[in-house]
C-alpha cells in the first residue's frame, strides 16, 4: 500500500507539472511575426497621440495605440532619415557606424567616415563626411532574422544604398519598389517615375500601392513559417502632394492662426494613417493578430522648413510650412527636440498591455537587441551594440532610462540651425556639445531640462556648470568607445568672417516664391 501510495503521488505530481508547464507555455506564447512600420519625416506633433494637434487626423494610430504601448519619449538616432534607418537595422549609433547624413542615393561611395578636406573660413570646425552605404558586412536585422528561418520582405523607402547595398543584400527576400532614392519617385500620386515600377491605375497613390503589395505578400505567407516585414512608408516626406479629395476636405478645417494648417500635408498624414489601418485590418482578417508584433516609429522629426504651396477654398495660393512641431523646438535637420523626438507605438502580444503609455526614454537603436531577444535569436558575437533591450519596458516593469546619444556632425542651414554637434539625454537633462564653437578652439554647450522646458527656450549651461561637465563626460566616453570620427578645428578659420548672428535662413517658403506663379 505504501508503495502504491508513493507511485500515485509521483504520478499526480508529474501530471500537475505537465499541466503547469503547458499553462506557462500558453501564457508566455510569444509572437512569431514582426511588422515594422517606419514613417518618414513624421513629427511628434503630427499625430493625435500626444494631444498637440486638432488639425491632423490619425484614428488608426489611435487604434494601434489602444492595442499596445505608446512611448512619449522616443527618439530617432538622428534628425535626418538614413542614419536613423541604419541605427534600426544595426543597433548602432551613427557615431559608431558612420552613417551620419542621407547621402546613400549619391554616386559617391564612402564606406568609412572621414573628416572633410576643408571648410569655409567662416566655420570654426571642419565637419565629417558620412558613410554613404549600409555595409553588407554588418549583421543587420534582416540577415539575422532570415537566417533564423523567417520569411522577410521590405516595402517602401530604403535610402541606404542601391545594389549591392539594397534590401536584397541585407536579408530581405522581397524589395518593392526597389528604389534607392530619398523619397517617392516624382510624386505620391501617379504617374510616378520609378524606373521599374508602374501604377496600376491613373492617380494611384504610392502609399495605397505599397499597402496593396504588403497585403498580397502577407496573404502568401505559409502558416507554419514566421515572417518579418518592413513597411517603411514614403509618407510624409517631400514632394508635397496628396489625393485631391483629401486636400479639399482639410481645406474646410483650415485655421491660419493654427501653426498646423497645410491641407496638403494634412492629407498626406491622412493617407499615411489609412495605410496603417489597412495593414491592421489584414492582420486581423488573417487571424494572426495574437502572434504578430507591430512597431510604429518615425525616422526623424517633422519637416518645418521646406515651403509648399497650398490653395485656399477661395482659390488663392499661399506659401506654407509643411507642419509645426510645437511645443517642441525645431524640426527635421536640427538637434532640438523637434528634430529627434518621434511618435512610437509597440504592440507585442504577451508583453505589452493594451492602451498603456510610458515616459521611459528609448532610441531607435534599442529595437535591434529587443527584437532579437524576443525572437530568441542570439546577438552577434564581437559586435558592438549601442541599443538596450527594452523588454522590461514592454512588460511594464521597472526600468531605468539609459543615456542616449545623438550625433550630427553636419551644418544644414535651416532655422534653429546648430553647428556640428552631439547631444546626450540623461534623465530630464539634455546637453548639446557644439564642436569647437567656443573660444580658443573649445567646445560650446547648450544645456536644457526637458521636463521644465520642453521647448528648449532656456540654455542653463552657465547656471549648472557641474551638470555640463557630468554630461559632457558621457559624450566623450561614448565617442571614445565608438571610435568616432569627429570634426576638427578649422586651421583656416577667419574670425572676421564668423557671423553667428546669421544662424538660420529666411522665413519658410521665400526661396520657393516662384512656385506660386506656377
Protein backbone atom coordinates (compact mmCIF):
# COMPACT_ATOMS: atom_id res chain seq x y z
CA UNK A 1 0.00 0.00 0.00
CA UNK A 2 2.77 2.43 0.86
CA UNK A 3 4.50 1.74 -2.45
CA UNK A 4 1.29 2.28 -4.46
CA UNK A 5 0.58 5.46 -2.50
CA UNK A 6 4.05 6.79 -3.34
CA UNK A 7 3.62 5.92 -7.01
CA UNK A 8 0.23 7.64 -7.14
CA UNK A 9 1.65 10.77 -5.55
CA UNK A 10 4.52 10.76 -8.06
CA UNK A 11 2.10 10.31 -10.98
CA UNK A 12 -0.08 13.13 -9.74
CA UNK A 13 2.96 15.37 -9.37
CA UNK A 14 4.05 14.60 -12.93
CA UNK A 15 0.57 15.40 -14.27
CA UNK A 16 0.50 18.62 -12.25
CA UNK A 17 3.87 19.70 -13.61
CA UNK A 18 2.83 18.91 -17.17
CA UNK A 19 -0.33 21.00 -16.75
CA UNK A 20 1.69 23.80 -15.17
CA UNK A 21 4.32 23.80 -17.94
CA UNK A 22 1.59 23.78 -20.58
CA UNK A 23 -0.19 26.69 -18.93
CA UNK A 24 3.03 28.63 -18.65
CA UNK A 25 3.88 27.93 -22.27
CA UNK A 26 0.47 29.16 -23.37
CA UNK A 27 0.67 32.19 -21.10
CA UNK A 28 4.14 33.09 -22.35
CA UNK A 29 3.44 32.45 -26.00
CA UNK A 30 5.43 34.98 -27.99
CA UNK A 31 4.52 36.39 -31.38
CA UNK A 32 6.34 34.72 -34.22
CA UNK A 33 5.81 37.57 -36.71
CA UNK A 34 7.15 41.14 -36.82
CA UNK A 35 5.78 44.11 -38.78
CA UNK A 36 7.95 47.21 -38.52
CA UNK A 37 6.18 50.34 -39.79
CA UNK A 38 8.51 53.31 -40.23
CA UNK A 39 7.07 56.69 -41.20
CA UNK A 40 9.25 59.25 -42.98
CA UNK A 41 9.57 62.78 -41.51
CA UNK A 42 6.51 62.31 -39.30
CA UNK A 43 6.80 64.61 -36.30
CA UNK A 44 5.84 64.01 -32.67
CA UNK A 45 3.13 66.65 -33.01
CA UNK A 46 1.86 65.35 -36.37
CA UNK A 47 -0.24 62.65 -34.68
CA UNK A 48 -3.16 62.80 -32.27
CA UNK A 49 -1.44 60.53 -29.74
CA UNK A 50 0.07 63.33 -27.66
CA UNK A 51 -2.66 65.97 -27.73
CA UNK A 52 -0.74 68.51 -29.81
CA UNK A 53 -2.89 68.70 -32.93
CA UNK A 54 -6.54 69.40 -33.69
CA UNK A 55 -5.96 69.62 -37.43
CA UNK A 56 -4.47 66.27 -38.42
CA UNK A 57 -6.46 63.06 -38.05
CA UNK A 58 -4.77 59.76 -37.16
CA UNK A 59 -7.54 57.42 -35.95
CA UNK A 60 -5.68 54.28 -36.99
CA UNK A 61 -2.65 55.22 -34.94
CA UNK A 62 -5.06 55.72 -32.04
CA UNK A 63 -6.43 52.27 -32.80
CA UNK A 64 -2.92 50.82 -32.80
CA UNK A 65 -2.14 52.58 -29.53
CA UNK A 66 -5.25 51.05 -27.97
CA UNK A 67 -3.72 47.64 -28.66
CA UNK A 68 -0.31 48.29 -27.10
CA UNK A 69 2.22 50.64 -25.53
CA UNK A 70 2.71 54.27 -26.59
CA UNK A 71 6.06 55.94 -25.90
CA UNK A 72 6.04 59.66 -25.10
CA UNK A 73 9.86 59.99 -25.08
CA UNK A 74 11.01 58.01 -28.12
CA UNK A 75 13.95 59.38 -30.10
CA UNK A 76 15.39 58.85 -33.53
CA UNK A 77 19.18 58.40 -33.56
CA UNK A 78 19.47 61.35 -35.95
CA UNK A 79 17.45 64.35 -37.12
CA UNK A 80 17.77 63.00 -40.67
CA UNK A 81 16.47 59.78 -42.20
CA UNK A 82 19.27 57.45 -43.37
CA UNK A 83 21.23 57.49 -40.10
CA UNK A 84 18.12 56.51 -38.13
CA UNK A 85 17.28 53.76 -40.62
CA UNK A 86 20.77 52.36 -40.27
CA UNK A 87 20.53 52.55 -36.47
CA UNK A 88 17.38 50.40 -36.50
CA UNK A 89 18.98 47.75 -38.70
CA UNK A 90 22.33 47.65 -36.88
CA UNK A 91 21.61 48.64 -33.28
CA UNK A 92 24.47 51.11 -33.63
CA UNK A 93 24.51 54.84 -33.20
CA UNK A 94 25.58 56.93 -36.23
CA UNK A 95 28.67 57.85 -34.20
CA UNK A 96 29.72 54.19 -34.47
CA UNK A 97 28.61 53.02 -37.92
CA UNK A 98 29.50 56.34 -39.59
CA UNK A 99 26.20 56.91 -41.42
CA UNK A 100 25.51 60.46 -40.28
CA UNK A 101 23.83 62.01 -43.35
CA UNK A 102 21.31 60.90 -46.02
CA UNK A 103 23.79 60.52 -48.89
CA UNK A 104 23.05 56.93 -49.92
CA UNK A 105 21.41 57.99 -53.19
CA UNK A 106 24.54 59.81 -54.39
CA UNK A 107 27.16 58.28 -56.66
CA UNK A 108 29.94 58.78 -54.13
CA UNK A 109 30.82 55.51 -52.42
CA UNK A 110 32.16 56.02 -48.89
CA UNK A 111 32.34 53.06 -46.52
CA UNK A 112 34.36 54.72 -43.78
CA UNK A 113 33.64 58.08 -42.16
CA UNK A 114 36.30 60.72 -42.61
CA UNK A 115 36.95 64.37 -41.94
CA UNK A 116 36.11 66.64 -44.86
CA UNK A 117 39.11 68.05 -46.77
CA UNK A 118 38.46 71.64 -45.69
CA UNK A 119 35.91 74.20 -44.53
CA UNK A 120 34.97 77.79 -45.25
CA UNK A 121 36.98 80.45 -43.39
CA UNK A 122 33.68 81.41 -41.71
CA UNK A 123 33.48 78.00 -39.99
CA UNK A 124 35.24 77.22 -36.76
CA UNK A 125 35.29 73.47 -37.42
CA UNK A 126 35.80 71.11 -40.34
CA UNK A 127 32.87 68.68 -40.37
CA UNK A 128 32.94 64.99 -41.30
CA UNK A 129 31.87 63.12 -44.41
CA UNK A 130 29.25 60.45 -43.88
CA UNK A 131 29.42 56.81 -44.87
CA UNK A 132 27.19 56.60 -47.93
CA UNK A 133 26.13 52.93 -47.95
CA UNK A 134 24.98 50.40 -45.35
CA UNK A 135 27.91 47.99 -45.32
CA UNK A 136 26.84 44.44 -46.23
CA UNK A 137 29.40 43.09 -43.76
CA UNK A 138 27.24 44.29 -40.87
CA UNK A 139 24.95 41.76 -39.14
CA UNK A 140 21.73 43.62 -39.92
CA UNK A 141 18.30 42.66 -38.59
CA UNK A 142 17.18 41.33 -41.97
CA UNK A 143 20.14 38.97 -42.24
CA UNK A 144 19.89 37.63 -38.69
CA UNK A 145 16.13 37.11 -38.78
CA UNK A 146 16.21 35.50 -42.21
CA UNK A 147 18.96 33.12 -41.09
CA UNK A 148 16.68 32.07 -38.23
CA UNK A 149 14.17 30.75 -40.76
CA UNK A 150 11.88 33.73 -41.24
CA UNK A 151 10.34 34.96 -44.46
CA UNK A 152 11.47 38.56 -44.98
CA UNK A 153 10.28 41.48 -47.07
CA UNK A 154 10.85 45.21 -47.40
CA UNK A 155 8.23 47.57 -48.78
CA UNK A 156 8.75 51.28 -49.38
CA UNK A 157 11.66 53.58 -48.73
CA UNK A 158 15.19 52.27 -48.10
CA UNK A 159 17.69 55.09 -48.73
CA UNK A 160 20.71 53.10 -47.57
CA UNK A 161 22.19 52.26 -50.96
CA UNK A 162 21.39 50.69 -54.31
CA UNK A 163 22.83 47.34 -55.44
CA UNK A 164 24.96 45.86 -54.00
CA UNK A 165 23.66 47.59 -50.83
CA UNK A 166 19.91 47.24 -51.35
CA UNK A 167 17.49 45.35 -49.07
CA UNK A 168 18.12 42.24 -51.17
CA UNK A 169 21.73 42.21 -49.96
CA UNK A 170 20.65 42.80 -46.34
CA UNK A 171 18.49 39.75 -45.80
CA UNK A 172 15.19 40.71 -47.44
CA UNK A 173 13.80 38.24 -49.95
CA UNK A 174 11.42 40.83 -51.42
CA UNK A 175 12.05 44.54 -52.04
CA UNK A 176 9.29 46.68 -53.56
CA UNK A 177 9.58 49.12 -55.31
CA UNK A 178 13.35 48.53 -55.09
CA UNK A 179 14.08 52.25 -55.08
CA UNK A 180 17.26 53.79 -53.61
CA UNK A 181 16.12 57.41 -53.61
CA UNK A 182 15.31 59.71 -50.68
CA UNK A 183 11.58 59.97 -51.42
CA UNK A 184 8.90 58.69 -53.80
CA UNK A 185 9.94 58.99 -57.42
CA UNK A 186 8.45 62.22 -58.74
CA UNK A 187 5.26 62.34 -56.70
CA UNK A 188 2.98 60.45 -54.34
CA UNK A 189 0.17 60.39 -56.86
CA UNK A 190 0.81 58.60 -60.16
CA UNK A 191 2.27 58.94 -62.69
CA UNK A 192 5.44 58.08 -60.79
CA UNK A 193 8.99 57.99 -62.07
CA UNK A 194 10.17 54.67 -60.67
CA UNK A 195 12.28 53.01 -63.36
CA UNK A 196 10.74 49.53 -62.99
CA UNK A 197 7.52 50.09 -61.07
CA UNK A 198 4.42 51.50 -62.73
CA UNK A 199 0.98 52.41 -61.44
CA UNK A 200 -1.99 50.08 -61.77
CA UNK A 201 -4.42 52.90 -62.47
CA UNK A 202 -4.37 56.68 -63.04
CA UNK A 203 -3.76 58.81 -59.94
CA UNK A 204 -2.80 55.78 -57.84
CA UNK A 205 -1.30 56.87 -54.53
CA UNK A 206 2.06 55.27 -53.75
CA UNK A 207 1.06 54.52 -50.14
CA UNK A 208 -2.09 52.75 -51.33
CA UNK A 209 0.03 50.69 -53.69
CA UNK A 210 2.65 49.85 -51.07
CA UNK A 211 -0.11 48.68 -48.76
CA UNK A 212 -1.59 46.55 -51.56
CA UNK A 213 1.81 44.93 -52.15
CA UNK A 214 2.39 44.34 -48.45
CA UNK A 215 -1.08 42.77 -48.03
CA UNK A 216 -0.56 40.47 -51.02
CA UNK A 217 2.72 39.31 -49.51
CA UNK A 218 1.09 38.68 -46.12
CA UNK A 219 -1.56 36.52 -47.77
CA UNK A 220 1.11 34.41 -49.45
CA UNK A 221 2.91 33.54 -46.22
CA UNK A 222 2.93 29.94 -45.06
CA UNK A 223 1.04 29.35 -41.84
CA UNK A 224 3.89 27.33 -40.35
CA UNK A 225 6.66 29.83 -41.14
CA UNK A 226 7.13 33.13 -39.30
CA UNK A 227 7.72 36.41 -41.13
CA UNK A 228 9.46 39.73 -40.63
CA UNK A 229 8.21 42.63 -42.76
CA UNK A 230 9.43 46.19 -43.06
CA UNK A 231 6.72 48.56 -44.20
CA UNK A 232 8.81 51.73 -44.42
CA UNK A 233 6.44 54.37 -45.69
CA UNK A 234 7.30 57.11 -48.16
CA UNK A 235 4.90 59.32 -46.23
CA UNK A 236 5.17 62.13 -45.26
CA UNK A 237 8.43 63.09 -46.98
CA UNK A 238 8.59 65.64 -49.80
CA UNK A 239 7.49 66.10 -52.57
CA UNK A 240 4.36 67.53 -51.03
CA UNK A 241 1.29 66.30 -52.85
CA UNK A 242 -1.74 64.24 -51.94
CA UNK A 243 -5.14 63.00 -53.04
CA UNK A 244 -7.22 65.94 -54.19
CA UNK A 245 -10.31 64.83 -52.30
CA UNK A 246 -8.41 64.75 -49.02
CA UNK A 247 -6.85 68.14 -49.70
CA UNK A 248 -10.32 69.60 -50.24
CA UNK A 249 -11.54 68.02 -47.00
CA UNK A 250 -8.74 69.61 -44.98
CA UNK A 251 -9.30 72.95 -46.68
CA UNK A 252 -12.60 73.05 -44.80
CA UNK A 253 -10.69 72.73 -41.50
CA UNK A 254 -8.02 75.35 -42.17
CA UNK A 255 -7.30 77.91 -39.47
CA UNK A 256 -4.44 80.20 -40.41
CA UNK A 257 -3.94 81.00 -36.72
CA UNK A 258 -3.04 77.37 -36.10
CA UNK A 259 0.64 76.70 -36.95
CA UNK A 260 -0.51 73.41 -38.47
CA UNK A 261 -2.77 74.47 -41.31
CA UNK A 262 -1.46 72.98 -44.55
CA UNK A 263 -4.29 70.94 -46.15
CA UNK A 264 -1.76 69.21 -48.42
CA UNK A 265 0.36 68.00 -45.54
CA UNK A 266 -2.71 67.01 -43.52
CA UNK A 267 -3.91 64.94 -46.48
CA UNK A 268 -0.50 63.23 -46.60
CA UNK A 269 -0.74 62.38 -42.89
CA UNK A 270 -4.25 61.05 -43.53
CA UNK A 271 -3.05 58.67 -46.27
CA UNK A 272 -0.21 57.51 -44.04
CA UNK A 273 -2.68 56.71 -41.28
CA UNK A 274 -5.05 54.94 -43.67
CA UNK A 275 -2.21 52.66 -44.77
CA UNK A 276 -1.61 51.67 -41.14
CA UNK A 277 -5.31 50.92 -40.76
CA UNK A 278 -5.41 48.69 -43.82
CA UNK A 279 -2.46 46.65 -42.53
CA UNK A 280 -4.19 46.26 -39.17
CA UNK A 281 -7.37 45.13 -40.94
CA UNK A 282 -5.48 42.47 -42.86
CA UNK A 283 -3.59 41.16 -39.84
CA UNK A 284 -6.91 40.77 -38.03
CA UNK A 285 -8.62 39.23 -41.06
CA UNK A 286 -5.87 36.64 -41.41
CA UNK A 287 -6.30 35.71 -37.76
CA UNK A 288 -2.66 36.37 -36.86
CA UNK A 289 -3.04 39.40 -34.57
CA UNK A 290 -2.19 37.39 -31.44
CA UNK A 291 1.07 36.17 -32.93
CA UNK A 292 2.20 39.36 -34.67
CA UNK A 293 4.17 42.18 -33.06
CA UNK A 294 3.76 45.61 -34.67
CA UNK A 295 6.18 48.51 -34.19
CA UNK A 296 5.39 52.04 -35.37
CA UNK A 297 8.14 54.67 -35.41
CA UNK A 298 9.34 57.69 -37.40
CA UNK A 299 12.84 58.26 -38.74
CA UNK A 300 13.09 61.91 -37.57
CA UNK A 301 11.04 64.93 -36.58
CA UNK A 302 8.59 66.84 -38.73
CA UNK A 303 9.80 68.90 -41.68
CA UNK A 304 9.10 72.55 -40.86
CA UNK A 305 11.47 74.08 -43.35
CA UNK A 306 10.59 73.20 -46.97
CA UNK A 307 7.90 75.59 -48.12
CA UNK A 308 4.92 74.24 -50.02
CA UNK A 309 2.14 75.89 -51.99
CA UNK A 310 -1.42 75.43 -50.70
CA UNK A 311 -4.68 76.63 -52.14
CA UNK A 312 -7.38 78.25 -50.04
CA UNK A 313 -11.04 77.41 -50.68
CA UNK A 314 -11.24 80.80 -52.41
CA UNK A 315 -8.63 79.65 -54.93
CA UNK A 316 -5.91 81.93 -53.55
CA UNK A 317 -2.49 80.29 -53.33
CA UNK A 318 -0.30 80.73 -50.25
CA UNK A 319 3.09 79.54 -49.11
CA UNK A 320 3.01 77.33 -46.05
CA UNK A 321 5.50 75.49 -43.89
CA UNK A 322 4.57 71.80 -44.07
CA UNK A 323 3.96 71.47 -40.33
CA UNK A 324 4.82 72.65 -36.84
CA UNK A 325 6.38 70.56 -34.07
CA UNK A 326 5.21 72.86 -31.26
CA UNK A 327 5.55 72.68 -28.33
CA UNK A 328 8.88 71.15 -29.34
CA UNK A 329 11.56 73.44 -30.72
CA UNK A 330 12.86 72.99 -34.25
CA UNK A 331 12.30 70.21 -36.72
CA UNK A 332 13.96 67.86 -39.15
CA UNK A 333 17.71 68.57 -39.52
CA UNK A 334 18.01 70.21 -36.10
CA UNK A 335 19.33 68.80 -32.83
CA UNK A 336 16.46 70.25 -30.86
CA UNK A 337 13.60 68.04 -29.69
CA UNK A 338 11.50 68.77 -32.76
CA UNK A 339 14.16 67.15 -34.92
CA UNK A 340 14.57 63.90 -32.99
CA UNK A 341 11.59 63.15 -30.72
CA UNK A 342 9.15 61.00 -32.66
CA UNK A 343 5.89 59.08 -32.26
CA UNK A 344 6.26 55.44 -31.25
CA UNK A 345 3.86 52.58 -30.55
CA UNK A 346 4.73 48.96 -29.83
CA UNK A 347 2.09 46.25 -29.89
CA UNK A 348 3.61 42.99 -28.67
CA UNK A 349 1.04 40.38 -27.61
CA UNK A 350 2.14 38.66 -24.44
CA UNK A 351 4.33 41.61 -23.43
CA UNK A 352 2.55 44.95 -23.85
CA UNK A 353 -0.71 45.81 -22.17
CA UNK A 354 -3.44 47.38 -24.33
CA UNK A 355 -3.84 51.14 -24.12
CA UNK A 356 -0.80 51.85 -21.94
CA UNK A 357 1.77 54.65 -22.05
CA UNK A 358 5.29 55.18 -20.76
CA UNK A 359 7.63 58.14 -20.39
CA UNK A 360 10.73 55.92 -20.43
CA UNK A 361 13.33 57.34 -22.83
CA UNK A 362 14.17 55.00 -25.72
CA UNK A 363 16.01 55.37 -29.01
CA UNK A 364 15.84 53.73 -32.43
CA UNK A 365 18.97 51.68 -31.62
CA UNK A 366 17.00 49.82 -28.93
CA UNK A 367 14.83 47.89 -31.38
CA UNK A 368 17.73 45.74 -32.59
CA UNK A 369 18.58 43.97 -29.30
CA UNK A 370 14.93 43.92 -28.20
CA UNK A 371 13.61 42.23 -31.33
CA UNK A 372 16.41 39.66 -31.37
CA UNK A 373 15.90 38.93 -27.67
CA UNK A 374 12.19 38.38 -28.08
CA UNK A 375 12.66 36.15 -31.13
CA UNK A 376 15.23 34.04 -29.32
CA UNK A 377 17.98 34.98 -31.79
CA UNK A 378 21.46 35.33 -30.31
CA UNK A 379 23.19 38.66 -30.55
CA UNK A 380 26.16 38.59 -32.93
CA UNK A 381 29.48 38.00 -31.21
CA UNK A 382 32.30 40.54 -31.27
CA UNK A 383 29.84 43.21 -32.39
CA UNK A 384 29.24 46.46 -30.50
CA UNK A 385 25.59 47.37 -29.93
CA UNK A 386 24.59 50.80 -28.64
CA UNK A 387 20.94 49.95 -28.12
CA UNK A 388 19.46 48.43 -24.98
CA UNK A 389 16.99 45.59 -24.59
CA UNK A 390 13.77 47.37 -23.58
CA UNK A 391 11.77 44.19 -23.00
CA UNK A 392 11.19 45.20 -19.35
CA UNK A 393 9.57 48.42 -20.57
CA UNK A 394 7.28 46.48 -22.89
CA UNK A 395 6.27 44.31 -19.94
CA UNK A 396 5.54 47.34 -17.78
CA UNK A 397 8.35 46.52 -15.36
CA UNK A 398 10.63 48.97 -13.61
CA UNK A 399 13.33 50.23 -15.95
CA UNK A 400 15.86 52.99 -15.54
CA UNK A 401 16.21 55.01 -18.74
CA UNK A 402 19.69 54.80 -20.17
CA UNK A 403 21.56 57.81 -21.60
CA UNK A 404 21.02 58.15 -25.33
CA UNK A 405 23.34 59.87 -27.79
CA UNK A 406 22.56 61.79 -30.97
CA UNK A 407 25.49 62.53 -33.26
CA UNK A 408 25.04 65.03 -36.09
CA UNK A 409 28.39 66.42 -37.35
CA UNK A 410 26.78 68.46 -40.14
CA UNK A 411 25.57 72.02 -40.61
CA UNK A 412 22.41 72.22 -42.75
CA UNK A 413 21.38 75.86 -42.84
CA UNK A 414 17.81 75.72 -41.58
CA UNK A 415 16.04 77.74 -38.90
CA UNK A 416 17.05 76.52 -35.44
CA UNK A 417 20.36 75.63 -37.05
CA UNK A 418 23.21 74.47 -34.84
CA UNK A 419 26.81 73.81 -35.90
CA UNK A 420 28.18 70.25 -35.96
CA UNK A 421 27.10 68.80 -32.66
CA UNK A 422 26.36 65.86 -30.40
CA UNK A 423 23.68 65.51 -27.75
CA UNK A 424 23.11 63.30 -24.75
CA UNK A 425 19.82 62.77 -22.92
CA UNK A 426 20.21 61.61 -19.34
CA UNK A 427 17.13 61.67 -17.16
CA UNK A 428 15.40 65.02 -17.61
CA UNK A 429 18.59 66.68 -18.84
CA UNK A 430 19.85 67.23 -22.36
CA UNK A 431 23.28 68.57 -23.25
CA UNK A 432 24.29 69.57 -26.78
CA UNK A 433 28.02 69.87 -27.48
CA UNK A 434 28.88 72.24 -30.33
CA UNK A 435 32.22 71.12 -31.67
CA UNK A 436 34.86 73.89 -31.34
CA UNK A 437 32.29 76.69 -31.27
CA UNK A 438 33.70 78.17 -28.05
CA UNK A 439 36.70 80.42 -27.59
CA UNK A 440 40.24 79.17 -28.27
CA UNK A 441 39.06 76.01 -30.03
CA UNK A 442 36.99 74.84 -27.09
CA UNK A 443 33.54 73.34 -27.38
CA UNK A 444 30.40 75.32 -26.67
CA UNK A 445 27.31 73.90 -24.96
CA UNK A 446 23.54 74.11 -24.73
CA UNK A 447 22.01 72.60 -21.58
CA UNK A 448 18.27 72.08 -21.18
CA UNK A 449 16.00 70.44 -18.68
CA UNK A 450 13.35 68.90 -20.90
CA UNK A 451 10.92 68.33 -18.04
CA UNK A 452 10.96 72.00 -17.04
CA UNK A 453 11.45 73.39 -20.53
CA UNK A 454 10.07 71.16 -23.27
CA UNK A 455 10.56 73.96 -25.82
CA UNK A 456 14.28 74.33 -25.01
CA UNK A 457 13.95 78.06 -24.52
CA UNK A 458 16.50 78.46 -21.71
CA UNK A 459 20.13 77.44 -22.05
CA UNK A 460 21.15 76.52 -18.49
CA UNK A 461 24.81 75.77 -19.16
CA UNK A 462 26.04 78.82 -17.22
CA UNK A 463 23.77 78.07 -14.25
CA UNK A 464 24.65 74.39 -13.95
CA UNK A 465 28.33 74.06 -14.94
CA UNK A 466 28.69 70.82 -12.93
CA UNK A 467 25.89 69.22 -14.95
CA UNK A 468 27.63 70.29 -18.17
CA UNK A 469 30.85 68.60 -17.01
CA UNK A 470 28.96 65.47 -15.96
CA UNK A 471 27.05 65.08 -19.22
CA UNK A 472 29.96 66.07 -21.44
CA UNK A 473 31.95 63.27 -19.83
CA UNK A 474 29.26 60.85 -21.03
CA UNK A 475 29.58 62.26 -24.55
CA UNK A 476 33.35 61.93 -24.51
CA UNK A 477 33.24 58.38 -23.16
CA UNK A 478 30.82 57.38 -25.91
CA UNK A 479 32.92 58.97 -28.65
CA UNK A 480 35.98 57.13 -27.39
CA UNK A 481 34.14 53.81 -27.11
CA UNK A 482 32.68 54.14 -30.61
CA UNK A 483 35.99 55.30 -32.10
CA UNK A 484 34.02 58.13 -33.69
CA UNK A 485 35.41 60.29 -36.48
CA UNK A 486 34.65 63.79 -35.20
CA UNK A 487 35.00 67.35 -36.54
CA UNK A 488 38.34 69.09 -36.07
CA UNK A 489 39.28 72.76 -35.60
CA UNK A 490 39.46 74.65 -38.87
CA UNK A 491 43.04 75.97 -39.36
CA UNK A 492 41.70 78.39 -41.99
CA UNK A 493 39.13 79.96 -39.69
CA UNK A 494 38.94 83.74 -40.06
CA UNK A 495 37.21 85.43 -37.07
CA UNK A 496 36.37 88.44 -39.21
CA UNK A 497 34.12 86.23 -41.38
CA UNK A 498 32.37 84.46 -38.50
CA UNK A 499 28.78 85.65 -38.16
CA UNK A 500 26.93 83.59 -35.53
CA UNK A 501 24.03 86.02 -35.78
CA UNK A 502 23.35 84.65 -39.27
CA UNK A 503 22.28 81.27 -37.93
CA UNK A 504 19.22 80.19 -39.85
CA UNK A 505 17.73 81.18 -43.20
CA UNK A 506 14.92 83.48 -44.37
CA UNK A 507 11.34 82.59 -43.42
CA UNK A 508 9.96 79.38 -44.81
CA UNK A 509 8.84 79.44 -48.41
CA UNK A 510 10.59 82.62 -49.53
CA UNK A 511 13.07 80.58 -51.55
CA UNK A 512 10.07 78.96 -53.28
CA UNK A 513 8.24 82.18 -54.10
CA UNK A 514 8.28 81.42 -57.82
CA UNK A 515 6.21 78.31 -57.16
CA UNK A 516 3.14 80.47 -56.53
CA UNK A 517 3.26 81.66 -60.12
CA UNK A 518 3.04 78.11 -61.47
